[in-house]
Full PDB file with SEQRES, HELIX, SHEET, SSBOND, CRYST1, ORIGX, SCALE, CONECT and MASTER records, all heavy atoms in Angstrom:
SEQRES   1 A   32  VAL THR LYS ASP VAL PRO ASP PHE ALA LEU VAL VAL GLY          
SEQRES   2 A   32  VAL PRO ALA ARG ARG VAL GLY TRP VAL GLY ARG ALA GLY          
SEQRES   3 A   32  HIS PRO LEU GLN PRO LYS                                      
SHEET    1 AA1 2 ALA A   9  VAL A  12  0                                        
SHEET    2 AA1 2 ARG A  17  TRP A  21 -1                                        
CRYST1    1.000    1.000    1.000  90.00  90.00  90.00 P 1           1          
ORIGX1      1.000000  0.000000  0.000000        0.00000                         
ORIGX2      0.000000  1.000000  0.000000        0.00000                         
ORIGX3      0.000000  0.000000  1.000000        0.00000                         
SCALE1      1.000000  0.000000  0.000000        0.00000                         
SCALE2      0.000000  1.000000  0.000000        0.00000                         
SCALE3      0.000000  0.000000  1.000000        0.00000                         
ATOM      1  N   VAL A   1      -4.233 -11.226   0.645  1.00  0.00           N  
ATOM      2  CA  VAL A   1      -5.089 -10.238  -0.006  1.00  0.00           C  
ATOM      3  C   VAL A   1      -6.452 -10.860  -0.281  1.00  0.00           C  
ATOM      4  O   VAL A   1      -6.550 -11.816  -1.054  1.00  0.00           O  
ATOM      5  CB  VAL A   1      -4.446  -9.726  -1.311  1.00  0.00           C  
ATOM      6  CG1 VAL A   1      -5.368  -8.746  -2.018  1.00  0.00           C  
ATOM      7  CG2 VAL A   1      -3.095  -9.094  -1.025  1.00  0.00           C  
ATOM      8  N   THR A   2      -7.494 -10.297   0.357  1.00  0.00           N  
ATOM      9  CA  THR A   2      -8.854 -10.803   0.171  1.00  0.00           C  
ATOM     10  C   THR A   2      -9.776  -9.750  -0.441  1.00  0.00           C  
ATOM     11  O   THR A   2     -10.920 -10.058  -0.767  1.00  0.00           O  
ATOM     12  CB  THR A   2      -9.457 -11.258   1.512  1.00  0.00           C  
ATOM     13  OG1 THR A   2      -9.472 -10.145   2.416  1.00  0.00           O  
ATOM     14  CG2 THR A   2      -8.652 -12.408   2.107  1.00  0.00           C  
ATOM     15  N   LYS A   3      -9.262  -8.513  -0.585  1.00  0.00           N  
ATOM     16  CA  LYS A   3     -10.031  -7.427  -1.194  1.00  0.00           C  
ATOM     17  C   LYS A   3      -9.135  -6.708  -2.194  1.00  0.00           C  
ATOM     18  O   LYS A   3      -7.907  -6.724  -2.074  1.00  0.00           O  
ATOM     19  CB  LYS A   3     -10.499  -6.435  -0.130  1.00  0.00           C  
ATOM     20  CG  LYS A   3     -11.466  -7.038   0.855  1.00  0.00           C  
ATOM     21  CD  LYS A   3     -11.906  -6.010   1.873  1.00  0.00           C  
ATOM     22  CE  LYS A   3     -12.882  -6.655   2.846  1.00  0.00           C  
ATOM     23  NZ  LYS A   3     -13.232  -5.771   3.927  1.00  0.00           N  
ATOM     24  N   ASP A   4      -9.756  -6.016  -3.151  1.00  0.00           N  
ATOM     25  CA  ASP A   4      -8.988  -5.280  -4.153  1.00  0.00           C  
ATOM     26  C   ASP A   4      -8.023  -4.298  -3.494  1.00  0.00           C  
ATOM     27  O   ASP A   4      -8.341  -3.695  -2.457  1.00  0.00           O  
ATOM     28  CB  ASP A   4      -9.922  -4.527  -5.092  1.00  0.00           C  
ATOM     29  CG  ASP A   4     -10.700  -5.456  -6.024  1.00  0.00           C  
ATOM     30  OD1 ASP A   4     -10.400  -6.660  -6.066  1.00  0.00           O  
ATOM     31  OD2 ASP A   4     -11.614  -4.947  -6.701  1.00  0.00           O  
ATOM     32  N   VAL A   5      -6.863  -4.145  -4.112  1.00  0.00           N  
ATOM     33  CA  VAL A   5      -5.815  -3.249  -3.637  1.00  0.00           C  
ATOM     34  C   VAL A   5      -5.753  -2.051  -4.573  1.00  0.00           C  
ATOM     35  O   VAL A   5      -5.586  -2.222  -5.783  1.00  0.00           O  
ATOM     36  CB  VAL A   5      -4.455  -3.979  -3.608  1.00  0.00           C  
ATOM     37  CG1 VAL A   5      -3.333  -3.027  -3.227  1.00  0.00           C  
ATOM     38  CG2 VAL A   5      -4.508  -5.186  -2.676  1.00  0.00           C  
ATOM     39  N   PRO A   6      -5.887  -0.814  -4.037  1.00  0.00           N  
ATOM     40  CA  PRO A   6      -5.829   0.367  -4.906  1.00  0.00           C  
ATOM     41  C   PRO A   6      -4.447   0.568  -5.542  1.00  0.00           C  
ATOM     42  O   PRO A   6      -3.436   0.085  -5.024  1.00  0.00           O  
ATOM     43  CB  PRO A   6      -6.134   1.533  -3.958  1.00  0.00           C  
ATOM     44  CG  PRO A   6      -6.701   0.927  -2.722  1.00  0.00           C  
ATOM     45  CD  PRO A   6      -6.145  -0.467  -2.644  1.00  0.00           C  
ATOM     46  N   ASP A   7      -4.412   1.297  -6.626  1.00  0.00           N  
ATOM     47  CA  ASP A   7      -3.148   1.704  -7.239  1.00  0.00           C  
ATOM     48  C   ASP A   7      -2.273   2.375  -6.181  1.00  0.00           C  
ATOM     49  O   ASP A   7      -2.776   3.145  -5.352  1.00  0.00           O  
ATOM     50  CB  ASP A   7      -3.383   2.703  -8.375  1.00  0.00           C  
ATOM     51  CG  ASP A   7      -4.119   2.120  -9.570  1.00  0.00           C  
ATOM     52  OD1 ASP A   7      -4.291   0.890  -9.645  1.00  0.00           O  
ATOM     53  OD2 ASP A   7      -4.527   2.922 -10.439  1.00  0.00           O  
ATOM     54  N   PHE A   8      -0.967   2.075  -6.187  1.00  0.00           N  
ATOM     55  CA  PHE A   8       0.047   2.687  -5.328  1.00  0.00           C  
ATOM     56  C   PHE A   8      -0.101   2.362  -3.840  1.00  0.00           C  
ATOM     57  O   PHE A   8       0.612   2.920  -3.011  1.00  0.00           O  
ATOM     58  CB  PHE A   8       0.083   4.218  -5.509  1.00  0.00           C  
ATOM     59  CG  PHE A   8       0.416   4.668  -6.906  1.00  0.00           C  
ATOM     60  CD1 PHE A   8      -0.568   5.166  -7.740  1.00  0.00           C  
ATOM     61  CD2 PHE A   8       1.707   4.591  -7.398  1.00  0.00           C  
ATOM     62  CE1 PHE A   8      -0.286   5.588  -9.029  1.00  0.00           C  
ATOM     63  CE2 PHE A   8       2.015   5.006  -8.682  1.00  0.00           C  
ATOM     64  CZ  PHE A   8       1.019   5.502  -9.508  1.00  0.00           C  
ATOM     65  N   ALA A   9      -1.010   1.470  -3.473  1.00  0.00           N  
ATOM     66  CA  ALA A   9      -1.219   1.149  -2.057  1.00  0.00           C  
ATOM     67  C   ALA A   9      -0.126   0.225  -1.539  1.00  0.00           C  
ATOM     68  O   ALA A   9       0.381  -0.639  -2.252  1.00  0.00           O  
ATOM     69  CB  ALA A   9      -2.579   0.504  -1.859  1.00  0.00           C  
ATOM     70  N   LEU A  10       0.213   0.401  -0.261  1.00  0.00           N  
ATOM     71  CA  LEU A  10       1.070  -0.523   0.472  1.00  0.00           C  
ATOM     72  C   LEU A  10       0.150  -1.279   1.418  1.00  0.00           C  
ATOM     73  O   LEU A  10      -0.491  -0.673   2.286  1.00  0.00           O  
ATOM     74  CB  LEU A  10       2.132   0.243   1.260  1.00  0.00           C  
ATOM     75  CG  LEU A  10       2.941  -0.563   2.280  1.00  0.00           C  
ATOM     76  CD1 LEU A  10       3.701  -1.704   1.614  1.00  0.00           C  
ATOM     77  CD2 LEU A  10       3.891   0.364   3.040  1.00  0.00           C  
ATOM     78  N   VAL A  11       0.041  -2.602   1.225  1.00  0.00           N  
ATOM     79  CA  VAL A  11      -0.833  -3.410   2.072  1.00  0.00           C  
ATOM     80  C   VAL A  11      -0.016  -4.461   2.807  1.00  0.00           C  
ATOM     81  O   VAL A  11       0.941  -5.025   2.267  1.00  0.00           O  
ATOM     82  CB  VAL A  11      -1.998  -4.061   1.281  1.00  0.00           C  
ATOM     83  CG1 VAL A  11      -2.890  -2.997   0.659  1.00  0.00           C  
ATOM     84  CG2 VAL A  11      -1.510  -5.029   0.232  1.00  0.00           C  
ATOM     85  N   VAL A  12      -0.413  -4.721   4.070  1.00  0.00           N  
ATOM     86  CA  VAL A  12       0.286  -5.682   4.921  1.00  0.00           C  
ATOM     87  C   VAL A  12      -0.740  -6.472   5.718  1.00  0.00           C  
ATOM     88  O   VAL A  12      -1.881  -6.038   5.889  1.00  0.00           O  
ATOM     89  CB  VAL A  12       1.256  -4.984   5.906  1.00  0.00           C  
ATOM     90  CG1 VAL A  12       2.275  -4.125   5.167  1.00  0.00           C  
ATOM     91  CG2 VAL A  12       0.494  -4.144   6.919  1.00  0.00           C  
ATOM     92  N   GLY A  13      -0.336  -7.626   6.225  1.00  0.00           N  
ATOM     93  CA  GLY A  13      -1.118  -8.344   7.212  1.00  0.00           C  
ATOM     94  C   GLY A  13      -2.072  -9.385   6.678  1.00  0.00           C  
ATOM     95  O   GLY A  13      -2.149  -9.661   5.494  1.00  0.00           O  
ATOM     96  N   VAL A  14      -2.803  -9.978   7.654  1.00  0.00           N  
ATOM     97  CA  VAL A  14      -3.767 -11.039   7.376  1.00  0.00           C  
ATOM     98  C   VAL A  14      -5.063 -10.687   8.090  1.00  0.00           C  
ATOM     99  O   VAL A  14      -5.118 -10.746   9.306  1.00  0.00           O  
ATOM    100  CB  VAL A  14      -3.240 -12.404   7.880  1.00  0.00           C  
ATOM    101  CG1 VAL A  14      -4.250 -13.510   7.632  1.00  0.00           C  
ATOM    102  CG2 VAL A  14      -1.892 -12.732   7.263  1.00  0.00           C  
ATOM    103  N   PRO A  15      -6.104 -10.299   7.386  1.00  0.00           N  
ATOM    104  CA  PRO A  15      -6.110 -10.000   5.950  1.00  0.00           C  
ATOM    105  C   PRO A  15      -5.363  -8.698   5.666  1.00  0.00           C  
ATOM    106  O   PRO A  15      -5.201  -7.862   6.559  1.00  0.00           O  
ATOM    107  CB  PRO A  15      -7.601  -9.881   5.620  1.00  0.00           C  
ATOM    108  CG  PRO A  15      -8.228  -9.414   6.891  1.00  0.00           C  
ATOM    109  CD  PRO A  15      -7.420 -10.054   8.008  1.00  0.00           C  
ATOM    110  N   ALA A  16      -4.933  -8.531   4.429  1.00  0.00           N  
ATOM    111  CA  ALA A  16      -4.156  -7.352   4.060  1.00  0.00           C  
ATOM    112  C   ALA A  16      -4.988  -6.086   4.206  1.00  0.00           C  
ATOM    113  O   ALA A  16      -6.171  -6.066   3.893  1.00  0.00           O  
ATOM    114  CB  ALA A  16      -3.653  -7.487   2.624  1.00  0.00           C  
ATOM    115  N   ARG A  17      -4.345  -5.043   4.703  1.00  0.00           N  
ATOM    116  CA  ARG A  17      -4.977  -3.721   4.841  1.00  0.00           C  
ATOM    117  C   ARG A  17      -3.961  -2.661   4.436  1.00  0.00           C  
ATOM    118  O   ARG A  17      -2.748  -2.860   4.588  1.00  0.00           O  
ATOM    119  CB  ARG A  17      -5.464  -3.502   6.263  1.00  0.00           C  
ATOM    120  CG  ARG A  17      -4.346  -3.419   7.248  1.00  0.00           C  
ATOM    121  CD  ARG A  17      -4.769  -3.694   8.689  1.00  0.00           C  
ATOM    122  NE  ARG A  17      -3.651  -3.679   9.596  1.00  0.00           N  
ATOM    123  CZ  ARG A  17      -2.732  -4.620   9.713  1.00  0.00           C  
ATOM    124  NH1 ARG A  17      -2.767  -5.669   8.935  1.00  0.00           N  
ATOM    125  NH2 ARG A  17      -1.753  -4.517  10.579  1.00  0.00           N  
ATOM    126  N   ARG A  18      -4.477  -1.548   3.922  1.00  0.00           N  
ATOM    127  CA  ARG A  18      -3.579  -0.473   3.481  1.00  0.00           C  
ATOM    128  C   ARG A  18      -3.003   0.253   4.690  1.00  0.00           C  
ATOM    129  O   ARG A  18      -3.731   0.658   5.588  1.00  0.00           O  
ATOM    130  CB  ARG A  18      -4.308   0.522   2.581  1.00  0.00           C  
ATOM    131  CG  ARG A  18      -3.331   1.513   1.918  1.00  0.00           C  
ATOM    132  CD  ARG A  18      -4.030   2.484   0.993  1.00  0.00           C  
ATOM    133  NE  ARG A  18      -4.789   3.482   1.699  1.00  0.00           N  
ATOM    134  CZ  ARG A  18      -4.262   4.559   2.302  1.00  0.00           C  
ATOM    135  NH1 ARG A  18      -2.959   4.776   2.273  1.00  0.00           N  
ATOM    136  NH2 ARG A  18      -5.032   5.420   2.913  1.00  0.00           N  
ATOM    137  N   VAL A  19      -1.672   0.397   4.692  1.00  0.00           N  
ATOM    138  CA  VAL A  19      -0.989   1.121   5.761  1.00  0.00           C  
ATOM    139  C   VAL A  19      -0.232   2.333   5.231  1.00  0.00           C  
ATOM    140  O   VAL A  19       0.393   3.056   6.003  1.00  0.00           O  
ATOM    141  CB  VAL A  19      -0.025   0.205   6.548  1.00  0.00           C  
ATOM    142  CG1 VAL A  19      -0.810  -0.895   7.262  1.00  0.00           C  
ATOM    143  CG2 VAL A  19       1.052  -0.380   5.646  1.00  0.00           C  
ATOM    144  N   GLY A  20      -0.267   2.533   3.916  1.00  0.00           N  
ATOM    145  CA  GLY A  20       0.428   3.669   3.330  1.00  0.00           C  
ATOM    146  C   GLY A  20       0.368   3.613   1.818  1.00  0.00           C  
ATOM    147  O   GLY A  20      -0.417   2.852   1.237  1.00  0.00           O  
ATOM    148  N   TRP A  21       1.202   4.447   1.232  1.00  0.00           N  
ATOM    149  CA  TRP A  21       1.312   4.523  -0.229  1.00  0.00           C  
ATOM    150  C   TRP A  21       2.749   4.275  -0.632  1.00  0.00           C  
ATOM    151  O   TRP A  21       3.675   4.575   0.122  1.00  0.00           O  
ATOM    152  CB  TRP A  21       0.891   5.908  -0.734  1.00  0.00           C  
ATOM    153  CG  TRP A  21      -0.517   6.312  -0.447  1.00  0.00           C  
ATOM    154  CD1 TRP A  21      -0.914   7.289   0.427  1.00  0.00           C  
ATOM    155  CD2 TRP A  21      -1.715   5.804  -1.034  1.00  0.00           C  
ATOM    156  NE1 TRP A  21      -2.293   7.396   0.419  1.00  0.00           N  
ATOM    157  CE2 TRP A  21      -2.805   6.501  -0.466  1.00  0.00           C  
ATOM    158  CE3 TRP A  21      -1.978   4.815  -1.975  1.00  0.00           C  
ATOM    159  CZ2 TRP A  21      -4.127   6.255  -0.822  1.00  0.00           C  
ATOM    160  CZ3 TRP A  21      -3.291   4.562  -2.327  1.00  0.00           C  
ATOM    161  CH2 TRP A  21      -4.345   5.272  -1.755  1.00  0.00           C  
ATOM    162  N   VAL A  22       2.954   3.755  -1.833  1.00  0.00           N  
ATOM    163  CA  VAL A  22       4.289   3.609  -2.407  1.00  0.00           C  
ATOM    164  C   VAL A  22       4.299   4.247  -3.790  1.00  0.00           C  
ATOM    165  O   VAL A  22       3.261   4.332  -4.448  1.00  0.00           O  
ATOM    166  CB  VAL A  22       4.723   2.128  -2.521  1.00  0.00           C  
ATOM    167  CG1 VAL A  22       4.938   1.514  -1.161  1.00  0.00           C  
ATOM    168  CG2 VAL A  22       3.736   1.318  -3.333  1.00  0.00           C  
ATOM    169  N   GLY A  23       5.486   4.691  -4.204  1.00  0.00           N  
ATOM    170  CA  GLY A  23       5.625   5.252  -5.547  1.00  0.00           C  
ATOM    171  C   GLY A  23       6.108   4.203  -6.526  1.00  0.00           C  
ATOM    172  O   GLY A  23       6.250   3.014  -6.196  1.00  0.00           O  
ATOM    173  N   ARG A  24       6.374   4.627  -7.728  1.00  0.00           N  
ATOM    174  CA  ARG A  24       6.828   3.705  -8.776  1.00  0.00           C  
ATOM    175  C   ARG A  24       8.149   3.031  -8.429  1.00  0.00           C  
ATOM    176  O   ARG A  24       8.440   1.937  -8.913  1.00  0.00           O  
ATOM    177  CB  ARG A  24       6.955   4.448 -10.102  1.00  0.00           C  
ATOM    178  CG  ARG A  24       5.605   4.842 -10.681  1.00  0.00           C  
ATOM    179  CD  ARG A  24       5.760   5.703 -11.952  1.00  0.00           C  
ATOM    180  NE  ARG A  24       4.473   6.189 -12.381  1.00  0.00           N  
ATOM    181  CZ  ARG A  24       3.729   5.608 -13.338  1.00  0.00           C  
ATOM    182  NH1 ARG A  24       4.185   4.547 -13.951  1.00  0.00           N  
ATOM    183  NH2 ARG A  24       2.575   6.117 -13.664  1.00  0.00           N  
ATOM    184  N   ALA A  25       8.957   3.657  -7.564  1.00  0.00           N  
ATOM    185  CA  ALA A  25      10.229   3.055  -7.146  1.00  0.00           C  
ATOM    186  C   ALA A  25      10.034   2.024  -6.036  1.00  0.00           C  
ATOM    187  O   ALA A  25      10.986   1.330  -5.665  1.00  0.00           O  
ATOM    188  CB  ALA A  25      11.195   4.149  -6.686  1.00  0.00           C  
ATOM    189  N   GLY A  26       8.818   1.922  -5.489  1.00  0.00           N  
ATOM    190  CA  GLY A  26       8.530   0.945  -4.444  1.00  0.00           C  
ATOM    191  C   GLY A  26       8.760   1.429  -3.035  1.00  0.00           C  
ATOM    192  O   GLY A  26       8.441   0.734  -2.081  1.00  0.00           O  
ATOM    193  N   HIS A  27       9.309   2.628  -2.878  1.00  0.00           N  
ATOM    194  CA  HIS A  27       9.569   3.169  -1.545  1.00  0.00           C  
ATOM    195  C   HIS A  27       8.293   3.766  -0.949  1.00  0.00           C  
ATOM    196  O   HIS A  27       7.495   4.376  -1.671  1.00  0.00           O  
ATOM    197  CB  HIS A  27      10.634   4.270  -1.614  1.00  0.00           C  
ATOM    198  CG  HIS A  27      11.986   3.760  -1.983  1.00  0.00           C  
ATOM    199  ND1 HIS A  27      12.957   3.506  -1.050  1.00  0.00           N  
ATOM    200  CD2 HIS A  27      12.525   3.437  -3.180  1.00  0.00           C  
ATOM    201  CE1 HIS A  27      14.039   3.057  -1.647  1.00  0.00           C  
ATOM    202  NE2 HIS A  27      13.804   3.004  -2.950  1.00  0.00           N  
ATOM    203  N   PRO A  28       8.105   3.613   0.369  1.00  0.00           N  
ATOM    204  CA  PRO A  28       6.950   4.269   1.005  1.00  0.00           C  
ATOM    205  C   PRO A  28       7.017   5.782   0.791  1.00  0.00           C  
ATOM    206  O   PRO A  28       8.082   6.389   0.911  1.00  0.00           O  
ATOM    207  CB  PRO A  28       7.101   3.911   2.483  1.00  0.00           C  
ATOM    208  CG  PRO A  28       7.907   2.642   2.482  1.00  0.00           C  
ATOM    209  CD  PRO A  28       8.851   2.782   1.310  1.00  0.00           C  
ATOM    210  N   LEU A  29       5.864   6.360   0.457  1.00  0.00           N  
ATOM    211  CA  LEU A  29       5.802   7.802   0.213  1.00  0.00           C  
ATOM    212  C   LEU A  29       5.671   8.558   1.520  1.00  0.00           C  
ATOM    213  O   LEU A  29       5.123   8.046   2.505  1.00  0.00           O  
ATOM    214  CB  LEU A  29       4.618   8.120  -0.702  1.00  0.00           C  
ATOM    215  CG  LEU A  29       4.649   7.474  -2.084  1.00  0.00           C  
ATOM    216  CD1 LEU A  29       3.404   7.860  -2.879  1.00  0.00           C  
ATOM    217  CD2 LEU A  29       5.913   7.840  -2.847  1.00  0.00           C  
ATOM    218  N   GLN A  30       6.160   9.783   1.510  1.00  0.00           N  
ATOM    219  CA  GLN A  30       6.084  10.664   2.674  1.00  0.00           C  
ATOM    220  C   GLN A  30       5.088  11.779   2.389  1.00  0.00           C  
ATOM    221  O   GLN A  30       5.082  12.343   1.287  1.00  0.00           O  
ATOM    222  CB  GLN A  30       7.465  11.257   2.966  1.00  0.00           C  
ATOM    223  CG  GLN A  30       8.503  10.187   3.252  1.00  0.00           C  
ATOM    224  CD  GLN A  30       9.914  10.742   3.310  1.00  0.00           C  
ATOM    225  OE1 GLN A  30      10.192  11.849   2.864  1.00  0.00           O  
ATOM    226  NE2 GLN A  30      10.821   9.948   3.843  1.00  0.00           N  
ATOM    227  N   PRO A  31       4.238  12.101   3.393  1.00  0.00           N  
ATOM    228  CA  PRO A  31       3.283  13.196   3.174  1.00  0.00           C  
ATOM    229  C   PRO A  31       4.009  14.526   3.040  1.00  0.00           C  
ATOM    230  O   PRO A  31       4.972  14.787   3.747  1.00  0.00           O  
ATOM    231  CB  PRO A  31       2.405  13.153   4.430  1.00  0.00           C  
ATOM    232  CG  PRO A  31       3.224  12.449   5.459  1.00  0.00           C  
ATOM    233  CD  PRO A  31       4.149  11.536   4.731  1.00  0.00           C  
ATOM    234  N   LYS A  32       3.559  15.339   2.114  1.00  0.00           N  
ATOM    235  CA  LYS A  32       4.170  16.657   1.902  1.00  0.00           C  
ATOM    236  C   LYS A  32       3.218  17.727   2.413  1.00  0.00           C  
ATOM    237  O   LYS A  32       3.461  18.348   3.426  1.00  0.00           O  
ATOM    238  CB  LYS A  32       4.497  16.837   0.421  1.00  0.00           C  
ATOM    239  CG  LYS A  32       5.299  18.063   0.108  1.00  0.00           C  
ATOM    240  CD  LYS A  32       5.722  18.077  -1.353  1.00  0.00           C  
ATOM    241  CE  LYS A  32       6.365  19.414  -1.677  1.00  0.00           C  
ATOM    242  NZ  LYS A  32       6.684  19.544  -3.082  1.00  0.00           N  
TER     243      LYS A  32                                                      
MASTER        0    0    0    0    2    0    0    6  242    1    0    3          
END                                                                             
């Protein structure tokens, strides 16, 4: 992680980048 991570973001990689969102349970969220 080299940049700030938004609330609820799922970040991966080097450098980390957002690839999705997660909820309070930690599971990836699904678009509704």
